[in-house]
Amino acid sequence: MQLVDLDPQSYEAVMRAFKLPKSTEAEQAVHYREIEVASKQASIVPLETAELATAVSAVLTSLEGITIPQAASDLKVALDLAGVARRGGIENVWANLPGVQDEPWLRDVEERMKAIGAQNLNRGNRN
């Protein structure tokens, strides 16, 4: 549940950063730095959600051969929900990355995304 609470908070931080003044060079520096910081957090929260959903899917998949027939439909629904959570997390990571310029950080995120099956993060391809 922490991720559910953190997601809107991180989005609000991005919105606040975009509203910062940028009339002077100093203000612009703060403005863009805060967008970067907030965008990183707004990307990590859904990435962690997608990673957790991927782990849940693995556990649920391991139950397929041992689940009683009466619970098979519940297992299928749980797998579908975990898949939706994974895909939603991935989409939200992509939505928040444009505010990030830190190349080493982006490479780390790309590796984490690959680990959950979201390939070619910086190339714009979506899986």
C-alpha atoms as a PDB file:
ATOM      1  CA  MET A   1       0.000   0.000   0.000  1.00  0.00           C
ATOM      2  CA  GLN A   2       2.933   2.356   0.441  1.00  0.00           C
ATOM      3  CA  LEU A   3       3.456   2.492  -3.321  1.00  0.00           C
ATOM      4  CA  VAL A   4      -0.204   3.356  -3.835  1.00  0.00           C
ATOM      5  CA  ASP A   5       0.207   6.327  -1.499  1.00  0.00           C
ATOM      6  CA  LEU A   6       3.579   7.376  -2.910  1.00  0.00           C
ATOM      7  CA  ASP A   7       2.427   7.466  -6.530  1.00  0.00           C
ATOM      8  CA  PRO A   8       0.135  10.519  -6.285  1.00  0.00           C
ATOM      9  CA  GLN A   9       2.583  12.223  -3.921  1.00  0.00           C
ATOM     10  CA  SER A  10       5.401  11.850  -6.431  1.00  0.00           C
ATOM     11  CA  TYR A  11       3.165  13.157  -9.227  1.00  0.00           C
ATOM     12  CA  GLU A  12       2.262  16.186  -7.108  1.00  0.00           C
ATOM     13  CA  ALA A  13       5.970  16.878  -6.591  1.00  0.00           C
ATOM     14  CA  VAL A  14       6.473  16.915 -10.371  1.00  0.00           C
ATOM     15  CA  MET A  15       3.570  19.333 -10.787  1.00  0.00           C
ATOM     16  CA  ARG A  16       4.986  21.617  -8.072  1.00  0.00           C
ATOM     17  CA  ALA A  17       8.398  21.557  -9.762  1.00  0.00           C
ATOM     18  CA  PHE A  18       6.899  22.616 -13.092  1.00  0.00           C
ATOM     19  CA  LYS A  19       5.243  25.576 -11.374  1.00  0.00           C
ATOM     20  CA  LEU A  20       8.489  26.923  -9.919  1.00  0.00           C
ATOM     21  CA  PRO A  21       9.542  30.320 -11.274  1.00  0.00           C
ATOM     22  CA  LYS A  22      12.116  30.439 -14.041  1.00  0.00           C
ATOM     23  CA  SER A  23      12.563  34.124 -14.795  1.00  0.00           C
ATOM     24  CA  THR A  24      16.245  34.276 -13.867  1.00  0.00           C
ATOM     25  CA  GLU A  25      19.102  31.870 -14.564  1.00  0.00           C
ATOM     26  CA  ALA A  26      19.195  30.938 -10.879  1.00  0.00           C
ATOM     27  CA  GLU A  27      15.450  30.239 -10.870  1.00  0.00           C
ATOM     28  CA  GLN A  28      15.780  28.213 -14.058  1.00  0.00           C
ATOM     29  CA  ALA A  29      18.528  26.102 -12.506  1.00  0.00           C
ATOM     30  CA  VAL A  30      16.356  25.361  -9.475  1.00  0.00           C
ATOM     31  CA  HIS A  31      13.307  24.767 -11.682  1.00  0.00           C
ATOM     32  CA  TYR A  32      15.022  22.173 -13.873  1.00  0.00           C
ATOM     33  CA  ARG A  33      16.859  20.529 -10.978  1.00  0.00           C
ATOM     34  CA  GLU A  34      13.592  20.087  -9.069  1.00  0.00           C
ATOM     35  CA  ILE A  35      11.870  18.688 -12.162  1.00  0.00           C
ATOM     36  CA  GLU A  36      14.680  16.154 -12.475  1.00  0.00           C
ATOM     37  CA  VAL A  37      14.524  15.135  -8.812  1.00  0.00           C
ATOM     38  CA  ALA A  38      10.728  14.849  -8.828  1.00  0.00           C
ATOM     39  CA  SER A  39      10.663  13.012 -12.161  1.00  0.00           C
ATOM     40  CA  LYS A  40      13.129  10.444 -10.865  1.00  0.00           C
ATOM     41  CA  GLN A  41      10.947   9.745  -7.845  1.00  0.00           C
ATOM     42  CA  ALA A  42       7.823   9.694 -10.018  1.00  0.00           C
ATOM     43  CA  SER A  43       9.540   7.082 -12.206  1.00  0.00           C
ATOM     44  CA  ILE A  44      10.864   4.902  -9.386  1.00  0.00           C
ATOM     45  CA  VAL A  45       7.520   4.479  -7.634  1.00  0.00           C
ATOM     46  CA  PRO A  46       5.770   2.870 -10.634  1.00  0.00           C
ATOM     47  CA  LEU A  47       8.937   0.928 -11.460  1.00  0.00           C
ATOM     48  CA  GLU A  48       8.841  -0.611  -7.994  1.00  0.00           C
ATOM     49  CA  THR A  49       5.146  -1.351  -8.526  1.00  0.00           C
ATOM     50  CA  ALA A  50       5.919  -3.090 -11.824  1.00  0.00           C
ATOM     51  CA  GLU A  51       8.728  -5.070 -10.199  1.00  0.00           C
ATOM     52  CA  LEU A  52       6.450  -6.150  -7.368  1.00  0.00           C
ATOM     53  CA  ALA A  53       3.702  -7.129  -9.815  1.00  0.00           C
ATOM     54  CA  THR A  54       6.241  -9.177 -11.777  1.00  0.00           C
ATOM     55  CA  ALA A  55       7.245 -11.020  -8.595  1.00  0.00           C
ATOM     56  CA  VAL A  56       3.592 -11.633  -7.691  1.00  0.00           C
ATOM     57  CA  SER A  57       2.976 -13.016 -11.182  1.00  0.00           C
ATOM     58  CA  ALA A  58       5.864 -15.451 -10.732  1.00  0.00           C
ATOM     59  CA  VAL A  59       4.423 -16.725  -7.456  1.00  0.00           C
ATOM     60  CA  LEU A  60       0.951 -17.037  -8.952  1.00  0.00           C
ATOM     61  CA  THR A  61       2.312 -18.865 -11.992  1.00  0.00           C
ATOM     62  CA  SER A  62       4.012 -21.363  -9.687  1.00  0.00           C
ATOM     63  CA  LEU A  63       0.587 -22.208  -8.251  1.00  0.00           C
ATOM     64  CA  GLU A  64      -0.984 -23.105 -11.596  1.00  0.00           C
ATOM     65  CA  GLY A  65      -0.145 -26.796 -11.415  1.00  0.00           C
ATOM     66  CA  ILE A  66      -1.236 -27.263  -7.813  1.00  0.00           C
ATOM     67  CA  THR A  67      -4.355 -25.118  -7.560  1.00  0.00           C
ATOM     68  CA  ILE A  68      -7.638 -26.906  -7.033  1.00  0.00           C
ATOM     69  CA  PRO A  69      -9.951 -26.687 -10.045  1.00  0.00           C
ATOM     70  CA  GLN A  70     -12.471 -24.592  -8.101  1.00  0.00           C
ATOM     71  CA  ALA A  71      -9.838 -21.881  -7.588  1.00  0.00           C
ATOM     72  CA  ALA A  72      -8.424 -21.892 -11.121  1.00  0.00           C
ATOM     73  CA  SER A  73     -10.563 -18.936 -12.203  1.00  0.00           C
ATOM     74  CA  ASP A  74      -9.463 -16.928  -9.148  1.00  0.00           C
ATOM     75  CA  LEU A  75      -5.845 -17.656  -9.990  1.00  0.00           C
ATOM     76  CA  LYS A  76      -6.399 -16.538 -13.584  1.00  0.00           C
ATOM     77  CA  VAL A  77      -7.971 -13.273 -12.432  1.00  0.00           C
ATOM     78  CA  ALA A  78      -5.103 -12.686  -9.991  1.00  0.00           C
ATOM     79  CA  LEU A  79      -2.604 -13.224 -12.820  1.00  0.00           C
ATOM     80  CA  ASP A  80      -4.511 -10.798 -15.023  1.00  0.00           C
ATOM     81  CA  LEU A  81      -4.547  -8.154 -12.269  1.00  0.00           C
ATOM     82  CA  ALA A  82      -0.828  -8.572 -11.644  1.00  0.00           C
ATOM     83  CA  GLY A  83      -0.236  -8.179 -15.384  1.00  0.00           C
ATOM     84  CA  VAL A  84      -2.271  -4.987 -15.484  1.00  0.00           C
ATOM     85  CA  ALA A  85      -0.335  -3.626 -12.496  1.00  0.00           C
ATOM     86  CA  ARG A  86       2.942  -4.431 -14.271  1.00  0.00           C
ATOM     87  CA  ARG A  87       1.864  -2.774 -17.508  1.00  0.00           C
ATOM     88  CA  GLY A  88       0.475   0.258 -15.680  1.00  0.00           C
ATOM     89  CA  GLY A  89       3.727   0.673 -13.790  1.00  0.00           C
ATOM     90  CA  ILE A  90       5.753   0.434 -16.998  1.00  0.00           C
ATOM     91  CA  GLU A  91       3.585   3.046 -18.730  1.00  0.00           C
ATOM     92  CA  ASN A  92       3.953   5.417 -15.797  1.00  0.00           C
ATOM     93  CA  VAL A  93       7.730   5.008 -15.811  1.00  0.00           C
ATOM     94  CA  TRP A  94       7.759   6.003 -19.494  1.00  0.00           C
ATOM     95  CA  ALA A  95       5.467   8.951 -18.771  1.00  0.00           C
ATOM     96  CA  ASN A  96       7.836  10.360 -16.140  1.00  0.00           C
ATOM     97  CA  LEU A  97      11.208   9.801 -17.814  1.00  0.00           C
ATOM     98  CA  PRO A  98      11.217  12.859 -20.119  1.00  0.00           C
ATOM     99  CA  GLY A  99      12.053  15.057 -17.121  1.00  0.00           C
ATOM    100  CA  VAL A 100      15.240  13.072 -16.400  1.00  0.00           C
ATOM    101  CA  GLN A 101      18.585  13.866 -18.042  1.00  0.00           C
ATOM    102  CA  ASP A 102      20.875  11.807 -15.753  1.00  0.00           C
ATOM    103  CA  GLU A 103      22.264   9.196 -18.186  1.00  0.00           C
ATOM    104  CA  PRO A 104      23.733   6.782 -15.586  1.00  0.00           C
ATOM    105  CA  TRP A 105      20.434   6.847 -13.695  1.00  0.00           C
ATOM    106  CA  LEU A 106      18.499   6.240 -16.920  1.00  0.00           C
ATOM    107  CA  ARG A 107      20.745   3.261 -17.747  1.00  0.00           C
ATOM    108  CA  ASP A 108      20.002   1.772 -14.320  1.00  0.00           C
ATOM    109  CA  VAL A 109      16.278   2.216 -14.880  1.00  0.00           C
ATOM    110  CA  GLU A 110      16.611   0.653 -18.324  1.00  0.00           C
ATOM    111  CA  GLU A 111      18.291  -2.422 -16.798  1.00  0.00           C
ATOM    112  CA  ARG A 112      15.544  -2.731 -14.208  1.00  0.00           C
ATOM    113  CA  MET A 113      12.909  -2.384 -16.915  1.00  0.00           C
ATOM    114  CA  LYS A 114      14.593  -5.082 -19.001  1.00  0.00           C
ATOM    115  CA  ALA A 115      14.537  -7.374 -15.967  1.00  0.00           C
ATOM    116  CA  ILE A 116      10.731  -7.161 -15.917  1.00  0.00           C
ATOM    117  CA  GLY A 117      10.377  -7.564 -19.663  1.00  0.00           C
ATOM    118  CA  ALA A 118      10.084  -3.941 -20.768  1.00  0.00           C
ATOM    119  CA  GLN A 119      12.775  -3.809 -23.452  1.00  0.00           C
ATOM    120  CA  ASN A 120      14.467  -0.858 -25.149  1.00  0.00           C
ATOM    121  CA  LEU A 121      13.400   1.803 -22.678  1.00  0.00           C
ATOM    122  CA  ASN A 122      15.384   4.656 -24.182  1.00  0.00           C
ATOM    123  CA  ARG A 123      14.483   3.665 -27.732  1.00  0.00           C
ATOM    124  CA  GLY A 124      10.769   4.329 -27.270  1.00  0.00           C
ATOM    125  CA  ASN A 125       9.743   0.734 -27.961  1.00  0.00           C
ATOM    126  CA  ARG A 126       7.019  -0.534 -25.688  1.00  0.00           C
ATOM    127  CA  ASN A 127       6.476  -4.138 -24.649  1.00  0.00           C
END
